Amino acid sequence: MTYAAPSGRADSKEIYLSAPPGEVVAVAFDGAGNAPTLGKAVPLFSLANALLLRSRHDGKRFLVARALDAEALAPKLTVIVSWAGAAR
Protein backbone atom coordinates (compact mmCIF):
# COMPACT_ATOMS: atom_id res chain seq x y z
CA MET A 1 0.00 0.00 0.00
CA THR A 2 1.28 3.47 -0.86
CA TYR A 3 0.86 6.32 1.60
CA ALA A 4 1.17 10.05 0.97
CA ALA A 5 1.05 13.42 2.73
CA PRO A 6 2.59 12.53 6.10
CA SER A 7 1.80 14.72 9.07
CA GLY A 8 2.46 14.05 12.73
CA ARG A 9 1.65 14.82 16.33
CA ALA A 10 3.90 17.26 18.19
CA ASP A 11 5.16 14.52 20.53
CA SER A 12 6.29 12.45 17.48
CA LYS A 13 4.48 9.34 18.73
CA GLU A 14 1.98 9.13 15.89
CA ILE A 15 1.96 10.04 12.20
CA TYR A 16 -1.04 10.53 9.93
CA LEU A 17 -1.07 9.58 6.27
CA SER A 18 -3.41 9.66 3.29
CA ALA A 19 -3.93 6.10 2.12
CA PRO A 20 -5.82 4.83 -0.88
CA PRO A 21 -8.73 4.66 -1.40
CA GLY A 22 -9.26 8.06 0.22
CA GLU A 23 -8.64 7.20 3.86
CA VAL A 24 -6.63 8.90 6.58
CA VAL A 25 -4.75 6.45 8.79
CA ALA A 26 -2.82 6.83 12.04
CA VAL A 27 0.43 4.93 12.57
CA ALA A 28 2.17 4.69 15.95
CA PHE A 29 5.81 5.80 15.69
CA ASP A 30 8.71 5.12 18.03
CA GLY A 31 11.96 6.83 17.07
CA ALA A 32 13.94 5.68 20.11
CA GLY A 33 16.82 3.26 19.67
CA ASN A 34 18.84 2.47 16.57
CA ALA A 35 15.95 1.92 14.19
CA PRO A 36 12.52 3.60 14.26
CA THR A 37 9.53 1.28 14.56
CA LEU A 38 6.09 1.76 13.06
CA GLY A 39 2.82 0.32 14.32
CA LYS A 40 -0.07 -0.99 12.28
CA ALA A 41 -2.04 1.54 10.21
CA VAL A 42 -5.39 2.30 11.87
CA PRO A 43 -8.07 3.94 9.65
CA LEU A 44 -9.39 7.20 11.15
CA PHE A 45 -11.81 8.56 8.55
CA SER A 46 -12.53 8.66 4.84
CA LEU A 47 -11.68 11.53 2.48
CA ALA A 48 -13.85 11.44 -0.61
CA ASN A 49 -12.45 13.85 -3.23
CA ALA A 50 -10.10 15.44 -0.68
CA LEU A 51 -6.44 15.57 0.28
CA LEU A 52 -4.91 15.58 3.75
CA LEU A 53 -2.72 18.67 4.18
CA ARG A 54 -1.79 18.87 7.88
CA SER A 55 -2.76 17.61 11.29
CA ARG A 56 -3.01 19.69 14.42
CA HIS A 57 -0.19 19.23 16.97
CA ASP A 58 -2.43 17.06 19.18
CA GLY A 59 -3.81 14.93 16.32
CA LYS A 60 -7.42 15.89 17.03
CA ARG A 61 -8.04 18.12 14.00
CA PHE A 62 -7.00 17.87 10.39
CA LEU A 63 -6.75 20.35 7.54
CA VAL A 64 -7.93 18.95 4.22
CA ALA A 65 -8.35 20.36 0.73
CA ARG A 66 -11.60 19.27 -0.83
CA ALA A 67 -12.94 19.80 -4.33
CA LEU A 68 -16.36 21.41 -4.16
CA ASP A 69 -17.17 20.43 -7.72
CA ALA A 70 -15.18 17.77 -9.57
CA GLU A 71 -16.29 19.25 -12.91
CA ALA A 72 -14.83 22.65 -11.94
CA LEU A 73 -11.41 21.04 -11.53
CA ALA A 74 -11.42 19.46 -14.98
CA PRO A 75 -9.01 21.17 -17.38
CA LYS A 76 -10.77 23.18 -20.07
CA LEU A 77 -9.44 23.88 -23.54
CA THR A 78 -11.01 26.17 -26.09
CA VAL A 79 -9.86 25.85 -29.69
CA ILE A 80 -10.69 28.68 -32.08
CA VAL A 81 -10.47 27.71 -35.74
CA SER A 82 -10.10 30.33 -38.46
CA TRP A 83 -9.60 33.09 -35.90
CA ALA A 84 -8.00 35.43 -38.44
CA GLY A 85 -11.21 35.48 -40.53
CA ALA A 86 -13.34 36.07 -37.44
CA ALA A 87 -11.26 39.09 -36.40
CA ARG A 88 -12.18 41.08 -39.52
PDB file of N, CA and C in Angstrom:
ATOM      1  N   MET A   1       0.844  -1.176   0.000  1.00  0.00           N
ATOM      2  CA  MET A   1       0.000   0.000   0.000  1.00  0.00           C
ATOM      3  C   MET A   1       0.891   1.240   0.000  1.00  0.00           C
ATOM      4  N   THR A   2       0.523   2.231  -0.768  1.00  0.00           N
ATOM      5  CA  THR A   2       1.277   3.473  -0.864  1.00  0.00           C
ATOM      6  C   THR A   2       0.600   4.548  -0.031  1.00  0.00           C
ATOM      7  N   TYR A   3       1.394   5.245   0.762  1.00  0.00           N
ATOM      8  CA  TYR A   3       0.865   6.322   1.597  1.00  0.00           C
ATOM      9  C   TYR A   3       1.443   7.647   1.131  1.00  0.00           C
ATOM     10  N   ALA A   4       0.706   8.727   1.378  1.00  0.00           N
ATOM     11  CA  ALA A   4       1.170  10.047   0.969  1.00  0.00           C
ATOM     12  C   ALA A   4       0.777  11.083   2.012  1.00  0.00           C
ATOM     13  N   ALA A   5       1.359  12.264   1.890  1.00  0.00           N
ATOM     14  CA  ALA A   5       1.048  13.422   2.728  1.00  0.00           C
ATOM     15  C   ALA A   5       1.213  13.137   4.216  1.00  0.00           C
ATOM     16  N   PRO A   6       2.417  12.793   4.663  1.00  0.00           N
ATOM     17  CA  PRO A   6       2.587  12.530   6.098  1.00  0.00           C
ATOM     18  C   PRO A   6       2.483  13.801   6.936  1.00  0.00           C
ATOM     19  N   SER A   7       1.906  13.658   8.095  1.00  0.00           N
ATOM     20  CA  SER A   7       1.798  14.724   9.071  1.00  0.00           C
ATOM     21  C   SER A   7       1.864  14.044  10.426  1.00  0.00           C
ATOM     22  N   GLY A   8       2.295  14.742  11.449  1.00  0.00           N
ATOM     23  CA  GLY A   8       2.458  14.054  12.727  1.00  0.00           C
ATOM     24  C   GLY A   8       2.063  14.878  13.932  1.00  0.00           C
ATOM     25  N   ARG A   9       1.918  14.177  15.054  1.00  0.00           N
ATOM     26  CA  ARG A   9       1.652  14.822  16.334  1.00  0.00           C
ATOM     27  C   ARG A   9       2.909  15.495  16.830  1.00  0.00           C
ATOM     28  N   ALA A  10       2.757  16.489  17.674  1.00  0.00           N
ATOM     29  CA  ALA A  10       3.899  17.257  18.188  1.00  0.00           C
ATOM     30  C   ALA A  10       4.832  16.395  19.033  1.00  0.00           C
ATOM     31  N   ASP A  11       4.302  15.367  19.697  1.00  0.00           N
ATOM     32  CA  ASP A  11       5.155  14.519  20.529  1.00  0.00           C
ATOM     33  C   ASP A  11       5.860  13.423  19.718  1.00  0.00           C
ATOM     34  N   SER A  12       5.657  13.395  18.409  1.00  0.00           N
ATOM     35  CA  SER A  12       6.291  12.448  17.476  1.00  0.00           C
ATOM     36  C   SER A  12       5.963  10.991  17.772  1.00  0.00           C
ATOM     37  N   LYS A  13       4.840  10.720  18.417  1.00  0.00           N
ATOM     38  CA  LYS A  13       4.478   9.339  18.734  1.00  0.00           C
ATOM     39  C   LYS A  13       3.466   8.759  17.752  1.00  0.00           C
ATOM     40  N   GLU A  14       2.965   9.600  16.852  1.00  0.00           N
ATOM     41  CA  GLU A  14       1.983   9.130  15.886  1.00  0.00           C
ATOM     42  C   GLU A  14       2.099   9.980  14.629  1.00  0.00           C
ATOM     43  N   ILE A  15       1.982   9.313  13.470  1.00  0.00           N
ATOM     44  CA  ILE A  15       1.957  10.038  12.201  1.00  0.00           C
ATOM     45  C   ILE A  15       0.647   9.718  11.495  1.00  0.00           C
ATOM     46  N   TYR A  16       0.204  10.655  10.667  1.00  0.00           N
ATOM     47  CA  TYR A  16      -1.045  10.529   9.929  1.00  0.00           C
ATOM     48  C   TYR A  16      -0.723  10.587   8.453  1.00  0.00           C
ATOM     49  N   LEU A  17      -1.362   9.705   7.693  1.00  0.00           N
ATOM     50  CA  LEU A  17      -1.071   9.584   6.271  1.00  0.00           C
ATOM     51  C   LEU A  17      -2.354   9.442   5.475  1.00  0.00           C
ATOM     52  N   SER A  18      -2.320   9.927   4.232  1.00  0.00           N
ATOM     53  CA  SER A  18      -3.405   9.659   3.294  1.00  0.00           C
ATOM     54  C   SER A  18      -3.112   8.307   2.656  1.00  0.00           C
ATOM     55  N   ALA A  19      -4.094   7.438   2.684  1.00  0.00           N
ATOM     56  CA  ALA A  19      -3.931   6.101   2.120  1.00  0.00           C
ATOM     57  C   ALA A  19      -5.048   5.839   1.126  1.00  0.00           C
ATOM     58  N   PRO A  20      -4.739   5.160   0.042  1.00  0.00           N
ATOM     59  CA  PRO A  20      -5.816   4.828  -0.884  1.00  0.00           C
ATOM     60  C   PRO A  20      -6.731   3.789  -0.255  1.00  0.00           C
ATOM     61  N   PRO A  21      -7.978   3.751  -0.536  1.00  0.00           N
ATOM     62  CA  PRO A  21      -8.733   4.656  -1.401  1.00  0.00           C
ATOM     63  C   PRO A  21      -9.381   5.784  -0.601  1.00  0.00           C
ATOM     64  N   GLY A  22      -8.710   6.881  -0.435  1.00  0.00           N
ATOM     65  CA  GLY A  22      -9.261   8.061   0.216  1.00  0.00           C
ATOM     66  C   GLY A  22      -9.448   7.966   1.717  1.00  0.00           C
ATOM     67  N   GLU A  23      -8.559   7.300   2.405  1.00  0.00           N
ATOM     68  CA  GLU A  23      -8.638   7.198   3.860  1.00  0.00           C
ATOM     69  C   GLU A  23      -7.489   7.940   4.513  1.00  0.00           C
ATOM     70  N   VAL A  24      -7.709   8.380   5.742  1.00  0.00           N
ATOM     71  CA  VAL A  24      -6.631   8.896   6.579  1.00  0.00           C
ATOM     72  C   VAL A  24      -6.386   7.848   7.652  1.00  0.00           C
ATOM     73  N   VAL A  25      -5.114   7.466   7.807  1.00  0.00           N
ATOM     74  CA  VAL A  25      -4.751   6.449   8.792  1.00  0.00           C
ATOM     75  C   VAL A  25      -3.771   7.033   9.792  1.00  0.00           C
ATOM     76  N   ALA A  26      -3.780   6.472  10.999  1.00  0.00           N
ATOM     77  CA  ALA A  26      -2.820   6.829  12.043  1.00  0.00           C
ATOM     78  C   ALA A  26      -1.864   5.649  12.214  1.00  0.00           C
ATOM     79  N   VAL A  27      -0.584   5.959  12.371  1.00  0.00           N
ATOM     80  CA  VAL A  27       0.429   4.927  12.575  1.00  0.00           C
ATOM     81  C   VAL A  27       1.260   5.329  13.783  1.00  0.00           C
ATOM     82  N   ALA A  28       1.334   4.427  14.774  1.00  0.00           N
ATOM     83  CA  ALA A  28       2.169   4.686  15.945  1.00  0.00           C
ATOM     84  C   ALA A  28       3.634   4.710  15.496  1.00  0.00           C
ATOM     85  N   PHE A  29       4.420   5.618  16.080  1.00  0.00           N
ATOM     86  CA  PHE A  29       5.814   5.797  15.692  1.00  0.00           C
ATOM     87  C   PHE A  29       6.676   5.860  16.942  1.00  0.00           C
ATOM     88  N   ASP A  30       7.757   5.092  16.935  1.00  0.00           N
ATOM     89  CA  ASP A  30       8.714   5.119  18.033  1.00  0.00           C
ATOM     90  C   ASP A  30      10.094   5.321  17.432  1.00  0.00           C
ATOM     91  N   GLY A  31      10.662   6.509  17.648  1.00  0.00           N
ATOM     92  CA  GLY A  31      11.959   6.835  17.074  1.00  0.00           C
ATOM     93  C   GLY A  31      13.124   6.568  18.002  1.00  0.00           C
ATOM     94  N   ALA A  32      12.866   5.973  19.163  1.00  0.00           N
ATOM     95  CA  ALA A  32      13.943   5.680  20.112  1.00  0.00           C
ATOM     96  C   ALA A  32      14.747   4.470  19.631  1.00  0.00           C
ATOM     97  N   GLY A  33      15.987   4.406  20.038  1.00  0.00           N
ATOM     98  CA  GLY A  33      16.824   3.264  19.668  1.00  0.00           C
ATOM     99  C   GLY A  33      17.512   3.477  18.334  1.00  0.00           C
ATOM    100  N   ASN A  34      18.067   2.393  17.817  1.00  0.00           N
ATOM    101  CA  ASN A  34      18.843   2.467  16.573  1.00  0.00           C
ATOM    102  C   ASN A  34      17.973   2.572  15.326  1.00  0.00           C
ATOM    103  N   ALA A  35      16.823   1.913  15.363  1.00  0.00           N
ATOM    104  CA  ALA A  35      15.949   1.922  14.191  1.00  0.00           C
ATOM    105  C   ALA A  35      14.529   2.299  14.617  1.00  0.00           C
ATOM    106  N   PRO A  36      13.898   3.240  13.912  1.00  0.00           N
ATOM    107  CA  PRO A  36      12.520   3.601  14.256  1.00  0.00           C
ATOM    108  C   PRO A  36      11.578   2.431  13.982  1.00  0.00           C
ATOM    109  N   THR A  37      10.535   2.324  14.772  1.00  0.00           N
ATOM    110  CA  THR A  37       9.531   1.283  14.561  1.00  0.00           C
ATOM    111  C   THR A  37       8.175   1.923  14.310  1.00  0.00           C
ATOM    112  N   LEU A  38       7.421   1.291  13.431  1.00  0.00           N
ATOM    113  CA  LEU A  38       6.093   1.759  13.062  1.00  0.00           C
ATOM    114  C   LEU A  38       5.060   0.732  13.483  1.00  0.00           C
ATOM    115  N   GLY A  39       3.924   1.212  13.969  1.00  0.00           N
ATOM    116  CA  GLY A  39       2.817   0.325  14.320  1.00  0.00           C
ATOM    117  C   GLY A  39       1.961   0.031  13.110  1.00  0.00           C
ATOM    118  N   LYS A  40       0.868  -0.649  13.337  1.00  0.00           N
ATOM    119  CA  LYS A  40      -0.074  -0.986  12.283  1.00  0.00           C
ATOM    120  C   LYS A  40      -0.914   0.247  11.933  1.00  0.00           C
ATOM    121  N   ALA A  41      -1.216   0.421  10.662  1.00  0.00           N
ATOM    122  CA  ALA A  41      -2.044   1.541  10.208  1.00  0.00           C
ATOM    123  C   ALA A  41      -3.485   1.341  10.674  1.00  0.00           C
ATOM    124  N   VAL A  42      -4.021   2.348  11.361  1.00  0.00           N
ATOM    125  CA  VAL A  42      -5.389   2.304  11.872  1.00  0.00           C
ATOM    126  C   VAL A  42      -6.210   3.365  11.130  1.00  0.00           C
ATOM    127  N   PRO A  43      -7.245   2.953  10.379  1.00  0.00           N
ATOM    128  CA  PRO A  43      -8.065   3.942   9.655  1.00  0.00           C
ATOM    129  C   PRO A  43      -8.776   4.886  10.625  1.00  0.00           C
ATOM    130  N   LEU A  44      -8.726   6.191  10.317  1.00  0.00           N
ATOM    131  CA  LEU A  44      -9.390   7.198  11.145  1.00  0.00           C
ATOM    132  C   LEU A  44     -10.691   7.675  10.514  1.00  0.00           C
ATOM    133  N   PHE A  45     -10.613   8.090   9.244  1.00  0.00           N
ATOM    134  CA  PHE A  45     -11.807   8.561   8.546  1.00  0.00           C
ATOM    135  C   PHE A  45     -11.549   8.541   7.053  1.00  0.00           C
ATOM    136  N   SER A  46     -12.609   8.702   6.296  1.00  0.00           N
ATOM    137  CA  SER A  46     -12.534   8.660   4.840  1.00  0.00           C
ATOM    138  C   SER A  46     -12.507  10.075   4.270  1.00  0.00           C
ATOM    139  N   LEU A  47     -11.769  10.238   3.180  1.00  0.00           N
ATOM    140  CA  LEU A  47     -11.681  11.525   2.482  1.00  0.00           C
ATOM    141  C   LEU A  47     -12.123  11.340   1.036  1.00  0.00           C
ATOM    142  N   ALA A  48     -13.381  11.521   0.759  1.00  0.00           N
ATOM    143  CA  ALA A  48     -13.855  11.436  -0.614  1.00  0.00           C
ATOM    144  C   ALA A  48     -13.531  12.745  -1.329  1.00  0.00           C
ATOM    145  N   ASN A  49     -12.822  12.676  -2.422  1.00  0.00           N
ATOM    146  CA  ASN A  49     -12.447  13.853  -3.228  1.00  0.00           C
ATOM    147  C   ASN A  49     -11.720  14.910  -2.403  1.00  0.00           C
ATOM    148  N   ALA A  50     -10.825  14.483  -1.524  1.00  0.00           N
ATOM    149  CA  ALA A  50     -10.101  15.435  -0.679  1.00  0.00           C
ATOM    150  C   ALA A  50      -8.667  14.955  -0.473  1.00  0.00           C
ATOM    151  N   LEU A  51      -7.855  15.847   0.051  1.00  0.00           N
ATOM    152  CA  LEU A  51      -6.444  15.567   0.280  1.00  0.00           C
ATOM    153  C   LEU A  51      -6.054  16.052   1.667  1.00  0.00           C
ATOM    154  N   LEU A  52      -5.400  15.199   2.428  1.00  0.00           N
ATOM    155  CA  LEU A  52      -4.914  15.580   3.754  1.00  0.00           C
ATOM    156  C   LEU A  52      -3.736  16.533   3.602  1.00  0.00           C
ATOM    157  N   LEU A  53      -3.799  17.706   4.243  1.00  0.00           N
ATOM    158  CA  LEU A  53      -2.718  18.674   4.177  1.00  0.00           C
ATOM    159  C   LEU A  53      -1.881  18.670   5.449  1.00  0.00           C
ATOM    160  N   ARG A  54      -2.508  18.801   6.601  1.00  0.00           N
ATOM    161  CA  ARG A  54      -1.795  18.870   7.878  1.00  0.00           C
ATOM    162  C   ARG A  54      -2.676  18.338   8.998  1.00  0.00           C
ATOM    163  N   SER A  55      -2.022  17.950  10.081  1.00  0.00           N
ATOM    164  CA  SER A  55      -2.759  17.605  11.292  1.00  0.00           C
ATOM    165  C   SER A  55      -2.403  18.628  12.360  1.00  0.00           C
ATOM    166  N   ARG A  56      -3.298  18.804  13.303  1.00  0.00           N
ATOM    167  CA  ARG A  56      -3.011  19.686  14.425  1.00  0.00           C
ATOM    168  C   ARG A  56      -1.985  19.010  15.331  1.00  0.00           C
ATOM    169  N   HIS A  57      -1.277  19.764  16.135  1.00  0.00           N
ATOM    170  CA  HIS A  57      -0.194  19.227  16.966  1.00  0.00           C
ATOM    171  C   HIS A  57      -0.646  18.117  17.904  1.00  0.00           C
ATOM    172  N   ASP A  58      -1.937  18.096  18.276  1.00  0.00           N
ATOM    173  CA  ASP A  58      -2.432  17.055  19.180  1.00  0.00           C
ATOM    174  C   ASP A  58      -3.115  15.901  18.439  1.00  0.00           C
ATOM    175  N   GLY A  59      -3.201  15.995  17.117  1.00  0.00           N
ATOM    176  CA  GLY A  59      -3.812  14.934  16.320  1.00  0.00           C
ATOM    177  C   GLY A  59      -5.316  14.858  16.404  1.00  0.00           C
ATOM    178  N   LYS A  60      -5.962  15.911  16.887  1.00  0.00           N
ATOM    179  CA  LYS A  60      -7.417  15.889  17.033  1.00  0.00           C
ATOM    180  C   LYS A  60      -8.155  16.610  15.905  1.00  0.00           C
ATOM    181  N   ARG A  61      -7.433  17.412  15.132  1.00  0.00           N
ATOM    182  CA  ARG A  61      -8.037  18.115  14.004  1.00  0.00           C
ATOM    183  C   ARG A  61      -7.120  18.011  12.806  1.00  0.00           C
ATOM    184  N   PHE A  62      -7.754  18.038  11.624  1.00  0.00           N
ATOM    185  CA  PHE A  62      -7.003  17.873  10.389  1.00  0.00           C
ATOM    186  C   PHE A  62      -7.424  18.937   9.391  1.00  0.00           C
ATOM    187  N   LEU A  63      -6.478  19.401   8.612  1.00  0.00           N
ATOM    188  CA  LEU A  63      -6.753  20.350   7.542  1.00  0.00           C
ATOM    189  C   LEU A  63      -6.729  19.575   6.237  1.00  0.00           C
ATOM    190  N   VAL A  64      -7.827  19.660   5.495  1.00  0.00           N
ATOM    191  CA  VAL A  64      -7.927  18.953   4.222  1.00  0.00           C
ATOM    192  C   VAL A  64      -8.321  19.932   3.124  1.00  0.00           C
ATOM    193  N   ALA A  65      -7.925  19.614   1.914  1.00  0.00           N
ATOM    194  CA  ALA A  65      -8.352  20.364   0.732  1.00  0.00           C
ATOM    195  C   ALA A  65      -9.375  19.494   0.021  1.00  0.00           C
ATOM    196  N   ARG A  66     -10.533  20.049  -0.222  1.00  0.00           N
ATOM    197  CA  ARG A  66     -11.600  19.268  -0.831  1.00  0.00           C
ATOM    198  C   ARG A  66     -12.155  19.995  -2.041  1.00  0.00           C
ATOM    199  N   ALA A  67     -12.352  19.241  -3.115  1.00  0.00           N
ATOM    200  CA  ALA A  67     -12.943  19.797  -4.327  1.00  0.00           C
ATOM    201  C   ALA A  67     -14.435  19.974  -4.110  1.00  0.00           C
ATOM    202  N   LEU A  68     -14.929  21.171  -4.314  1.00  0.00           N
ATOM    203  CA  LEU A  68     -16.360  21.414  -4.160  1.00  0.00           C
ATOM    204  C   LEU A  68     -17.137  20.864  -5.347  1.00  0.00           C
ATOM    205  N   ASP A  69     -16.521  20.900  -6.506  1.00  0.00           N
ATOM    206  CA  ASP A  69     -17.172  20.429  -7.716  1.00  0.00           C
ATOM    207  C   ASP A  69     -16.109  19.782  -8.593  1.00  0.00           C
ATOM    208  N   ALA A  70     -16.182  18.483  -8.785  1.00  0.00           N
ATOM    209  CA  ALA A  70     -15.175  17.774  -9.570  1.00  0.00           C
ATOM    210  C   ALA A  70     -15.119  18.311 -11.004  1.00  0.00           C
ATOM    211  N   GLU A  71     -16.255  18.729 -11.546  1.00  0.00           N
ATOM    212  CA  GLU A  71     -16.285  19.253 -12.907  1.00  0.00           C
ATOM    213  C   GLU A  71     -15.520  20.577 -13.017  1.00  0.00           C
ATOM    214  N   ALA A  72     -15.535  21.365 -11.938  1.00  0.00           N
ATOM    215  CA  ALA A  72     -14.831  22.652 -11.940  1.00  0.00           C
ATOM    216  C   ALA A  72     -13.317  22.457 -11.977  1.00  0.00           C
ATOM    217  N   LEU A  73     -12.840  21.308 -11.526  1.00  0.00           N
ATOM    218  CA  LEU A  73     -11.409  21.043 -11.525  1.00  0.00           C
ATOM    219  C   LEU A  73     -10.904  20.471 -12.839  1.00  0.00           C
ATOM    220  N   ALA A  74     -11.815  20.046 -13.702  1.00  0.00           N
ATOM    221  CA  ALA A  74     -11.417  19.459 -14.977  1.00  0.00           C
ATOM    222  C   ALA A  74     -10.777  20.525 -15.859  1.00  0.00           C
ATOM    223  N   PRO A  75      -9.652  20.181 -16.503  1.00  0.00           N
ATOM    224  CA  PRO A  75      -9.010  21.169 -17.380  1.00  0.00           C
ATOM    225  C   PRO A  75      -9.918  21.487 -18.571  1.00  0.00           C
ATOM    226  N   LYS A  76      -9.934  22.744 -18.952  1.00  0.00           N
ATOM    227  CA  LYS A  76     -10.766  23.180 -20.069  1.00  0.00           C
ATOM    228  C   LYS A  76      -9.852  23.736 -21.166  1.00  0.00           C
ATOM    229  N   LEU A  77     -10.210  23.424 -22.388  1.00  0.00           N
ATOM    230  CA  LEU A  77      -9.436  23.877 -23.536  1.00  0.00           C
ATOM    231  C   LEU A  77     -10.412  24.379 -24.587  1.00  0.00           C
ATOM    232  N   THR A  78     -10.190  25.597 -25.032  1.00  0.00           N
ATOM    233  CA  THR A  78     -11.009  26.170 -26.087  1.00  0.00           C
ATOM    234  C   THR A  78     -10.148  26.326 -27.330  1.00  0.00           C
ATOM    235  N   VAL A  79     -10.594  25.760 -28.424  1.00  0.00           N
ATOM    236  CA  VAL A  79      -9.862  25.849 -29.692  1.00  0.00           C
ATOM    237  C   VAL A  79     -10.670  26.724 -30.635  1.00  0.00           C
ATOM    238  N   ILE A  80     -10.037  27.768 -31.147  1.00  0.00           N
ATOM    239  CA  ILE A  80     -10.689  28.678 -32.085  1.00  0.00           C
ATOM    240  C   ILE A  80     -10.083  28.430 -33.460  1.00  0.00           C
ATOM    241  N   VAL A  81     -10.909  28.010 -34.380  1.00  0.00           N
ATOM    242  CA  VAL A  81     -10.472  27.706 -35.737  1.00  0.00           C
ATOM    243  C   VAL A  81     -10.812  28.890 -36.622  1.00  0.00           C
ATOM    244  N   SER A  82      -9.917  29.215 -37.524  1.00  0.00           N
ATOM    245  CA  SER A  82     -10.097  30.335 -38.460  1.00  0.00           C
ATOM    246  C   SER A  82     -10.286  31.644 -37.702  1.00  0.00           C
ATOM    247  N   TRP A  83      -9.473  31.882 -36.709  1.00  0.00           N
ATOM    248  CA  TRP A  83      -9.601  33.087 -35.903  1.00  0.00           C
ATOM    249  C   TRP A  83      -9.258  34.359 -36.670  1.00  0.00           C
ATOM    250  N   ALA A  84      -8.377  34.245 -37.660  1.00  0.00           N
ATOM    251  CA  ALA A  84      -7.999  35.432 -38.438  1.00  0.00           C
ATOM    252  C   ALA A  84      -9.208  35.955 -39.214  1.00  0.00           C
ATOM    253  N   GLY A  85     -10.012  35.076 -39.767  1.00  0.00           N
ATOM    254  CA  GLY A  85     -11.206  35.478 -40.528  1.00  0.00           C
ATOM    255  C   GLY A  85     -12.269  36.066 -39.599  1.00  0.00           C
ATOM    256  N   ALA A  86     -12.351  35.584 -38.386  1.00  0.00           N
ATOM    257  CA  ALA A  86     -13.345  36.071 -37.438  1.00  0.00           C
ATOM    258  C   ALA A  86     -12.988  37.449 -36.901  1.00  0.00           C
ATOM    259  N   ALA A  87     -11.710  37.813 -36.950  1.00  0.00           N
ATOM    260  CA  ALA A  87     -11.257  39.090 -36.404  1.00  0.00           C
ATOM    261  C   ALA A  87     -11.570  40.250 -37.328  1.00  0.00           C
ATOM    262  N   ARG A  88     -11.909  39.997 -38.575  1.00  0.00           N
ATOM    263  CA  ARG A  88     -12.178  41.083 -39.521  1.00  0.00           C
ATOM    264  C   ARG A  88     -13.480  41.732 -39.324  1.00  0.00           C
TER     265      ARG A  88
END
